[in-house]
Amino acid sequence: MKGHWIEDRSGRWLITVTDFQTRSRLLHSGISPRGIAHSLVRHDELLLGDYRLHLRRALVRRHMLQALGAEPTEED
């Protein structure tokens, strides 16, 4: 298996592999460093999940501001 991994600031690891079969096998079985099982998620699914969380938080913020009678800014 050829590939490499990079840890980002959130403690997540980005693992890249060169072939589809290896990728499928890793996604299906996960990894178990030091005997602790970890499931793996495709990077695009992870980003989509982060974006959905951002949208939920933005909506909650907007509702809170409206309940307080504040005008939402362009950022909201």
PDB file of N, CA and C in Angstrom:
ATOM      1  N   MET A   1       0.848  -1.181   0.000  1.00  0.00           N
ATOM      2  CA  MET A   1       0.000   0.000   0.000  1.00  0.00           C
ATOM      3  C   MET A   1       0.884   1.231   0.000  1.00  0.00           C
ATOM      4  N   LYS A   2       0.735   2.067  -0.991  1.00  0.00           N
ATOM      5  CA  LYS A   2       1.427   3.340  -1.011  1.00  0.00           C
ATOM      6  C   LYS A   2       0.479   4.407  -0.513  1.00  0.00           C
ATOM      7  N   GLY A   3       1.013   5.358   0.173  1.00  0.00           N
ATOM      8  CA  GLY A   3       0.197   6.465   0.643  1.00  0.00           C
ATOM      9  C   GLY A   3       0.939   7.243   1.706  1.00  0.00           C
ATOM     10  N   HIS A   4       0.264   8.230   2.268  1.00  0.00           N
ATOM     11  CA  HIS A   4       0.835   8.983   3.369  1.00  0.00           C
ATOM     12  C   HIS A   4      -0.294   9.567   4.201  1.00  0.00           C
ATOM     13  N   TRP A   5       0.040  10.111   5.358  1.00  0.00           N
ATOM     14  CA  TRP A   5      -0.970  10.682   6.222  1.00  0.00           C
ATOM     15  C   TRP A   5      -0.443  11.990   6.791  1.00  0.00           C
ATOM     16  N   ILE A   6      -1.358  12.876   7.083  1.00  0.00           N
ATOM     17  CA  ILE A   6      -1.036  14.192   7.621  1.00  0.00           C
ATOM     18  C   ILE A   6      -2.022  14.479   8.744  1.00  0.00           C
ATOM     19  N   GLU A   7      -1.546  14.969   9.887  1.00  0.00           N
ATOM     20  CA  GLU A   7      -2.434  15.349  10.980  1.00  0.00           C
ATOM     21  C   GLU A   7      -2.718  16.834  10.869  1.00  0.00           C
ATOM     22  N   ASP A   8      -3.989  17.216  11.000  1.00  0.00           N
ATOM     23  CA  ASP A   8      -4.319  18.638  10.955  1.00  0.00           C
ATOM     24  C   ASP A   8      -4.505  19.178  12.376  1.00  0.00           C
ATOM     25  N   ARG A   9      -4.860  20.435  12.480  1.00  0.00           N
ATOM     26  CA  ARG A   9      -4.965  21.089  13.785  1.00  0.00           C
ATOM     27  C   ARG A   9      -6.077  20.535  14.654  1.00  0.00           C
ATOM     28  N   SER A  10      -7.086  19.933  14.074  1.00  0.00           N
ATOM     29  CA  SER A  10      -8.204  19.402  14.867  1.00  0.00           C
ATOM     30  C   SER A  10      -7.927  17.999  15.389  1.00  0.00           C
ATOM     31  N   GLY A  11      -6.737  17.475  15.136  1.00  0.00           N
ATOM     32  CA  GLY A  11      -6.403  16.131  15.586  1.00  0.00           C
ATOM     33  C   GLY A  11      -6.884  15.053  14.619  1.00  0.00           C
ATOM     34  N   ARG A  12      -7.373  15.463  13.466  1.00  0.00           N
ATOM     35  CA  ARG A  12      -7.795  14.507  12.455  1.00  0.00           C
ATOM     36  C   ARG A  12      -6.592  14.148  11.597  1.00  0.00           C
ATOM     37  N   TRP A  13      -6.650  12.983  11.017  1.00  0.00           N
ATOM     38  CA  TRP A  13      -5.591  12.531  10.127  1.00  0.00           C
ATOM     39  C   TRP A  13      -6.148  12.394   8.721  1.00  0.00           C
ATOM     40  N   LEU A  14      -5.404  12.875   7.749  1.00  0.00           N
ATOM     41  CA  LEU A  14      -5.764  12.690   6.344  1.00  0.00           C
ATOM     42  C   LEU A  14      -4.856  11.606   5.793  1.00  0.00           C
ATOM     43  N   ILE A  15      -5.443  10.485   5.438  1.00  0.00           N
ATOM     44  CA  ILE A  15      -4.699   9.346   4.908  1.00  0.00           C
ATOM     45  C   ILE A  15      -4.978   9.258   3.411  1.00  0.00           C
ATOM     46  N   THR A  16      -3.935   9.271   2.621  1.00  0.00           N
ATOM     47  CA  THR A  16      -4.114   9.136   1.173  1.00  0.00           C
ATOM     48  C   THR A  16      -3.509   7.812   0.731  1.00  0.00           C
ATOM     49  N   VAL A  17      -4.181   7.166  -0.189  1.00  0.00           N
ATOM     50  CA  VAL A  17      -3.690   5.914  -0.753  1.00  0.00           C
ATOM     51  C   VAL A  17      -3.730   6.025  -2.267  1.00  0.00           C
ATOM     52  N   THR A  18      -2.993   5.178  -2.934  1.00  0.00           N
ATOM     53  CA  THR A  18      -2.865   5.299  -4.385  1.00  0.00           C
ATOM     54  C   THR A  18      -3.821   4.423  -5.181  1.00  0.00           C
ATOM     55  N   ASP A  19      -4.514   3.500  -4.515  1.00  0.00           N
ATOM     56  CA  ASP A  19      -5.406   2.645  -5.296  1.00  0.00           C
ATOM     57  C   ASP A  19      -6.766   2.507  -4.624  1.00  0.00           C
ATOM     58  N   PHE A  20      -7.769   2.310  -5.454  1.00  0.00           N
ATOM     59  CA  PHE A  20      -9.151   2.244  -5.006  1.00  0.00           C
ATOM     60  C   PHE A  20      -9.405   1.056  -4.083  1.00  0.00           C
ATOM     61  N   GLN A  21      -8.787  -0.073  -4.367  1.00  0.00           N
ATOM     62  CA  GLN A  21      -8.998  -1.278  -3.562  1.00  0.00           C
ATOM     63  C   GLN A  21      -8.531  -1.054  -2.122  1.00  0.00           C
ATOM     64  N   THR A  22      -7.381  -0.444  -1.954  1.00  0.00           N
ATOM     65  CA  THR A  22      -6.878  -0.161  -0.606  1.00  0.00           C
ATOM     66  C   THR A  22      -7.796   0.810   0.113  1.00  0.00           C
ATOM     67  N   ARG A  23      -8.229   1.832  -0.599  1.00  0.00           N
ATOM     68  CA  ARG A  23      -9.148   2.818  -0.023  1.00  0.00           C
ATOM     69  C   ARG A  23     -10.428   2.139   0.458  1.00  0.00           C
ATOM     70  N   SER A  24     -11.006   1.295  -0.365  1.00  0.00           N
ATOM     71  CA  SER A  24     -12.231   0.597   0.009  1.00  0.00           C
ATOM     72  C   SER A  24     -12.018  -0.294   1.221  1.00  0.00           C
ATOM     73  N   ARG A  25     -10.901  -0.995   1.240  1.00  0.00           N
ATOM     74  CA  ARG A  25     -10.600  -1.887   2.356  1.00  0.00           C
ATOM     75  C   ARG A  25     -10.449  -1.101   3.664  1.00  0.00           C
ATOM     76  N   LEU A  26      -9.746   0.031   3.606  1.00  0.00           N
ATOM     77  CA  LEU A  26      -9.572   0.849   4.811  1.00  0.00           C
ATOM     78  C   LEU A  26     -10.898   1.433   5.291  1.00  0.00           C
ATOM     79  N   LEU A  27     -11.715   1.913   4.367  1.00  0.00           N
ATOM     80  CA  LEU A  27     -13.007   2.477   4.754  1.00  0.00           C
ATOM     81  C   LEU A  27     -13.908   1.411   5.363  1.00  0.00           C
ATOM     82  N   HIS A  28     -13.817   0.196   4.849  1.00  0.00           N
ATOM     83  CA  HIS A  28     -14.664  -0.890   5.346  1.00  0.00           C
ATOM     84  C   HIS A  28     -14.183  -1.408   6.702  1.00  0.00           C
ATOM     85  N   SER A  29     -12.883  -1.590   6.856  1.00  0.00           N
ATOM     86  CA  SER A  29     -12.370  -2.232   8.067  1.00  0.00           C
ATOM     87  C   SER A  29     -11.891  -1.253   9.128  1.00  0.00           C
ATOM     88  N   GLY A  30     -11.522  -0.038   8.744  1.00  0.00           N
ATOM     89  CA  GLY A  30     -10.965   0.902   9.702  1.00  0.00           C
ATOM     90  C   GLY A  30      -9.529   0.542  10.030  1.00  0.00           C
ATOM     91  N   ILE A  31      -8.996   1.156  11.063  1.00  0.00           N
ATOM     92  CA  ILE A  31      -7.633   0.853  11.512  1.00  0.00           C
ATOM     93  C   ILE A  31      -7.657   0.638  13.022  1.00  0.00           C
ATOM     94  N   SER A  32      -6.640  -0.034  13.525  1.00  0.00           N
ATOM     95  CA  SER A  32      -6.565  -0.329  14.959  1.00  0.00           C
ATOM     96  C   SER A  32      -5.152  -0.101  15.490  1.00  0.00           C
ATOM     97  N   PRO A  33      -4.719   1.150  15.570  1.00  0.00           N
ATOM     98  CA  PRO A  33      -3.404   1.390  16.167  1.00  0.00           C
ATOM     99  C   PRO A  33      -3.450   1.134  17.672  1.00  0.00           C
ATOM    100  N   ARG A  34      -2.451   0.461  18.179  1.00  0.00           N
ATOM    101  CA  ARG A  34      -2.358   0.096  19.594  1.00  0.00           C
ATOM    102  C   ARG A  34      -3.574  -0.675  20.074  1.00  0.00           C
ATOM    103  N   GLY A  35      -4.219  -1.392  19.162  1.00  0.00           N
ATOM    104  CA  GLY A  35      -5.356  -2.219  19.530  1.00  0.00           C
ATOM    105  C   GLY A  35      -6.673  -1.474  19.710  1.00  0.00           C
ATOM    106  N   ILE A  36      -6.683  -0.167  19.444  1.00  0.00           N
ATOM    107  CA  ILE A  36      -7.906   0.633  19.581  1.00  0.00           C
ATOM    108  C   ILE A  36      -8.503   0.839  18.194  1.00  0.00           C
ATOM    109  N   ALA A  37      -9.720   0.332  17.999  1.00  0.00           N
ATOM    110  CA  ALA A  37     -10.357   0.402  16.676  1.00  0.00           C
ATOM    111  C   ALA A  37     -10.852   1.816  16.374  1.00  0.00           C
ATOM    112  N   HIS A  38     -10.592   2.251  15.154  1.00  0.00           N
ATOM    113  CA  HIS A  38     -11.054   3.553  14.669  1.00  0.00           C
ATOM    114  C   HIS A  38     -11.667   3.357  13.290  1.00  0.00           C
ATOM    115  N   SER A  39     -12.871   3.886  13.112  1.00  0.00           N
ATOM    116  CA  SER A  39     -13.467   3.838  11.775  1.00  0.00           C
ATOM    117  C   SER A  39     -12.935   5.021  10.975  1.00  0.00           C
ATOM    118  N   LEU A  40     -12.953   4.884   9.671  1.00  0.00           N
ATOM    119  CA  LEU A  40     -12.465   5.936   8.793  1.00  0.00           C
ATOM    120  C   LEU A  40     -13.624   6.500   7.984  1.00  0.00           C
ATOM    121  N   VAL A  41     -13.509   7.772   7.621  1.00  0.00           N
ATOM    122  CA  VAL A  41     -14.542   8.475   6.864  1.00  0.00           C
ATOM    123  C   VAL A  41     -13.875   9.143   5.679  1.00  0.00           C
ATOM    124  N   ARG A  42     -14.563   9.127   4.542  1.00  0.00           N
ATOM    125  CA  ARG A  42     -14.031   9.829   3.371  1.00  0.00           C
ATOM    126  C   ARG A  42     -13.926  11.316   3.668  1.00  0.00           C
ATOM    127  N   HIS A  43     -12.901  11.958   3.136  1.00  0.00           N
ATOM    128  CA  HIS A  43     -12.639  13.360   3.408  1.00  0.00           C
ATOM    129  C   HIS A  43     -13.804  14.253   3.004  1.00  0.00           C
ATOM    130  N   ASP A  44     -14.416  14.005   1.844  1.00  0.00           N
ATOM    131  CA  ASP A  44     -15.526  14.853   1.412  1.00  0.00           C
ATOM    132  C   ASP A  44     -16.743  14.699   2.320  1.00  0.00           C
ATOM    133  N   GLU A  45     -16.974  13.507   2.871  1.00  0.00           N
ATOM    134  CA  GLU A  45     -18.072  13.326   3.821  1.00  0.00           C
ATOM    135  C   GLU A  45     -17.789  14.069   5.120  1.00  0.00           C
ATOM    136  N   LEU A  46     -16.534  14.082   5.528  1.00  0.00           N
ATOM    137  CA  LEU A  46     -16.138  14.798   6.732  1.00  0.00           C
ATOM    138  C   LEU A  46     -16.354  16.297   6.560  1.00  0.00           C
ATOM    139  N   LEU A  47     -15.948  16.832   5.406  1.00  0.00           N
ATOM    140  CA  LEU A  47     -16.143  18.254   5.142  1.00  0.00           C
ATOM    141  C   LEU A  47     -17.621  18.606   5.088  1.00  0.00           C
ATOM    142  N   LEU A  48     -18.431  17.754   4.486  1.00  0.00           N
ATOM    143  CA  LEU A  48     -19.865  17.993   4.422  1.00  0.00           C
ATOM    144  C   LEU A  48     -20.463  18.015   5.828  1.00  0.00           C
ATOM    145  N   GLY A  49     -20.035  17.100   6.678  1.00  0.00           N
ATOM    146  CA  GLY A  49     -20.498  17.082   8.066  1.00  0.00           C
ATOM    147  C   GLY A  49     -20.116  18.350   8.806  1.00  0.00           C
ATOM    148  N   ASP A  50     -18.890  18.833   8.590  1.00  0.00           N
ATOM    149  CA  ASP A  50     -18.450  20.089   9.205  1.00  0.00           C
ATOM    150  C   ASP A  50     -19.296  21.257   8.720  1.00  0.00           C
ATOM    151  N   TYR A  51     -19.605  21.272   7.432  1.00  0.00           N
ATOM    152  CA  TYR A  51     -20.402  22.351   6.865  1.00  0.00           C
ATOM    153  C   TYR A  51     -21.834  22.322   7.418  1.00  0.00           C
ATOM    154  N   ARG A  52     -22.412  21.140   7.549  1.00  0.00           N
ATOM    155  CA  ARG A  52     -23.754  21.031   8.127  1.00  0.00           C
ATOM    156  C   ARG A  52     -23.772  21.526   9.570  1.00  0.00           C
ATOM    157  N   LEU A  53     -22.738  21.199  10.336  1.00  0.00           N
ATOM    158  CA  LEU A  53     -22.633  21.683  11.707  1.00  0.00           C
ATOM    159  C   LEU A  53     -22.554  23.206  11.720  1.00  0.00           C
ATOM    160  N   HIS A  54     -21.764  23.776  10.826  1.00  0.00           N
ATOM    161  CA  HIS A  54     -21.666  25.233  10.721  1.00  0.00           C
ATOM    162  C   HIS A  54     -23.031  25.853  10.424  1.00  0.00           C
ATOM    163  N   LEU A  55     -23.784  25.271   9.485  1.00  0.00           N
ATOM    164  CA  LEU A  55     -25.104  25.804   9.139  1.00  0.00           C
ATOM    165  C   LEU A  55     -26.061  25.733  10.325  1.00  0.00           C
ATOM    166  N   ARG A  56     -26.035  24.613  11.066  1.00  0.00           N
ATOM    167  CA  ARG A  56     -26.896  24.492  12.246  1.00  0.00           C
ATOM    168  C   ARG A  56     -26.556  25.559  13.282  1.00  0.00           C
ATOM    169  N   ARG A  57     -25.262  25.772  13.531  1.00  0.00           N
ATOM    170  CA  ARG A  57     -24.844  26.782  14.506  1.00  0.00           C
ATOM    171  C   ARG A  57     -25.234  28.179  14.061  1.00  0.00           C
ATOM    172  N   ALA A  58     -25.097  28.458  12.763  1.00  0.00           N
ATOM    173  CA  ALA A  58     -25.478  29.768  12.244  1.00  0.00           C
ATOM    174  C   ALA A  58     -26.981  29.990  12.387  1.00  0.00           C
ATOM    175  N   LEU A  59     -27.772  28.956  12.157  1.00  0.00           N
ATOM    176  CA  LEU A  59     -29.216  29.076  12.292  1.00  0.00           C
ATOM    177  C   LEU A  59     -29.606  29.313  13.750  1.00  0.00           C
ATOM    178  N   VAL A  60     -28.983  28.600  14.669  1.00  0.00           N
ATOM    179  CA  VAL A  60     -29.256  28.793  16.094  1.00  0.00           C
ATOM    180  C   VAL A  60     -28.880  30.211  16.498  1.00  0.00           C
ATOM    181  N   ARG A  61     -27.746  30.687  16.028  1.00  0.00           N
ATOM    182  CA  ARG A  61     -27.308  32.057  16.338  1.00  0.00           C
ATOM    183  C   ARG A  61     -28.317  33.073  15.826  1.00  0.00           C
ATOM    184  N   ARG A  62     -28.783  32.875  14.594  1.00  0.00           N
ATOM    185  CA  ARG A  62     -29.765  33.795  14.012  1.00  0.00           C
ATOM    186  C   ARG A  62     -31.064  33.801  14.829  1.00  0.00           C
ATOM    187  N   HIS A  63     -31.519  32.613  15.247  1.00  0.00           N
ATOM    188  CA  HIS A  63     -32.742  32.523  16.050  1.00  0.00           C
ATOM    189  C   HIS A  63     -32.560  33.201  17.399  1.00  0.00           C
ATOM    190  N   MET A  64     -31.392  33.035  17.995  1.00  0.00           N
ATOM    191  CA  MET A  64     -31.120  33.689  19.276  1.00  0.00           C
ATOM    192  C   MET A  64     -31.130  35.201  19.118  1.00  0.00           C
ATOM    193  N   LEU A  65     -30.501  35.704  18.069  1.00  0.00           N
ATOM    194  CA  LEU A  65     -30.482  37.150  17.838  1.00  0.00           C
ATOM    195  C   LEU A  65     -31.886  37.684  17.600  1.00  0.00           C
ATOM    196  N   GLN A  66     -32.685  36.951  16.836  1.00  0.00           N
ATOM    197  CA  GLN A  66     -34.064  37.375  16.584  1.00  0.00           C
ATOM    198  C   GLN A  66     -34.880  37.375  17.880  1.00  0.00           C
ATOM    199  N   ALA A  67     -34.672  36.376  18.727  1.00  0.00           N
ATOM    200  CA  ALA A  67     -35.389  36.313  19.997  1.00  0.00           C
ATOM    201  C   ALA A  67     -35.002  37.468  20.910  1.00  0.00           C
ATOM    202  N   LEU A  68     -33.772  37.933  20.795  1.00  0.00           N
ATOM    203  CA  LEU A  68     -33.305  39.061  21.605  1.00  0.00           C
ATOM    204  C   LEU A  68     -33.659  40.407  20.972  1.00  0.00           C
ATOM    205  N   GLY A  69     -34.212  40.360  19.779  1.00  0.00           N
ATOM    206  CA  GLY A  69     -34.600  41.586  19.087  1.00  0.00           C
ATOM    207  C   GLY A  69     -33.458  42.273  18.369  1.00  0.00           C
ATOM    208  N   ALA A  70     -32.358  41.597  18.207  1.00  0.00           N
ATOM    209  CA  ALA A  70     -31.199  42.169  17.513  1.00  0.00           C
ATOM    210  C   ALA A  70     -31.311  41.901  16.017  1.00  0.00           C
ATOM    211  N   GLU A  71     -30.777  42.794  15.246  1.00  0.00           N
ATOM    212  CA  GLU A  71     -30.755  42.615  13.798  1.00  0.00           C
ATOM    213  C   GLU A  71     -29.563  41.749  13.412  1.00  0.00           C
ATOM    214  N   PRO A  72     -29.782  40.698  12.637  1.00  0.00           N
ATOM    215  CA  PRO A  72     -28.637  39.884  12.183  1.00  0.00           C
ATOM    216  C   PRO A  72     -27.739  40.705  11.257  1.00  0.00           C
ATOM    217  N   THR A  73     -26.460  40.471  11.344  1.00  0.00           N
ATOM    218  CA  THR A  73     -25.496  41.144  10.477  1.00  0.00           C
ATOM    219  C   THR A  73     -25.317  40.322   9.209  1.00  0.00           C
ATOM    220  N   GLU A  74     -24.522  40.816   8.280  1.00  0.00           N
ATOM    221  CA  GLU A  74     -24.262  40.057   7.054  1.00  0.00           C
ATOM    222  C   GLU A  74     -23.563  38.745   7.337  1.00  0.00           C
ATOM    223  N   GLU A  75     -22.783  38.699   8.424  1.00  0.00           N
ATOM    224  CA  GLU A  75     -22.084  37.468   8.795  1.00  0.00           C
ATOM    225  C   GLU A  75     -23.066  36.384   9.217  1.00  0.00           C
ATOM    226  N   ASP A  76     -24.219  36.791   9.759  1.00  0.00           N
ATOM    227  CA  ASP A  76     -25.208  35.827  10.230  1.00  0.00           C
ATOM    228  C   ASP A  76     -26.070  35.423   9.081  1.00  0.00           C
TER     229      ASP A  76
END
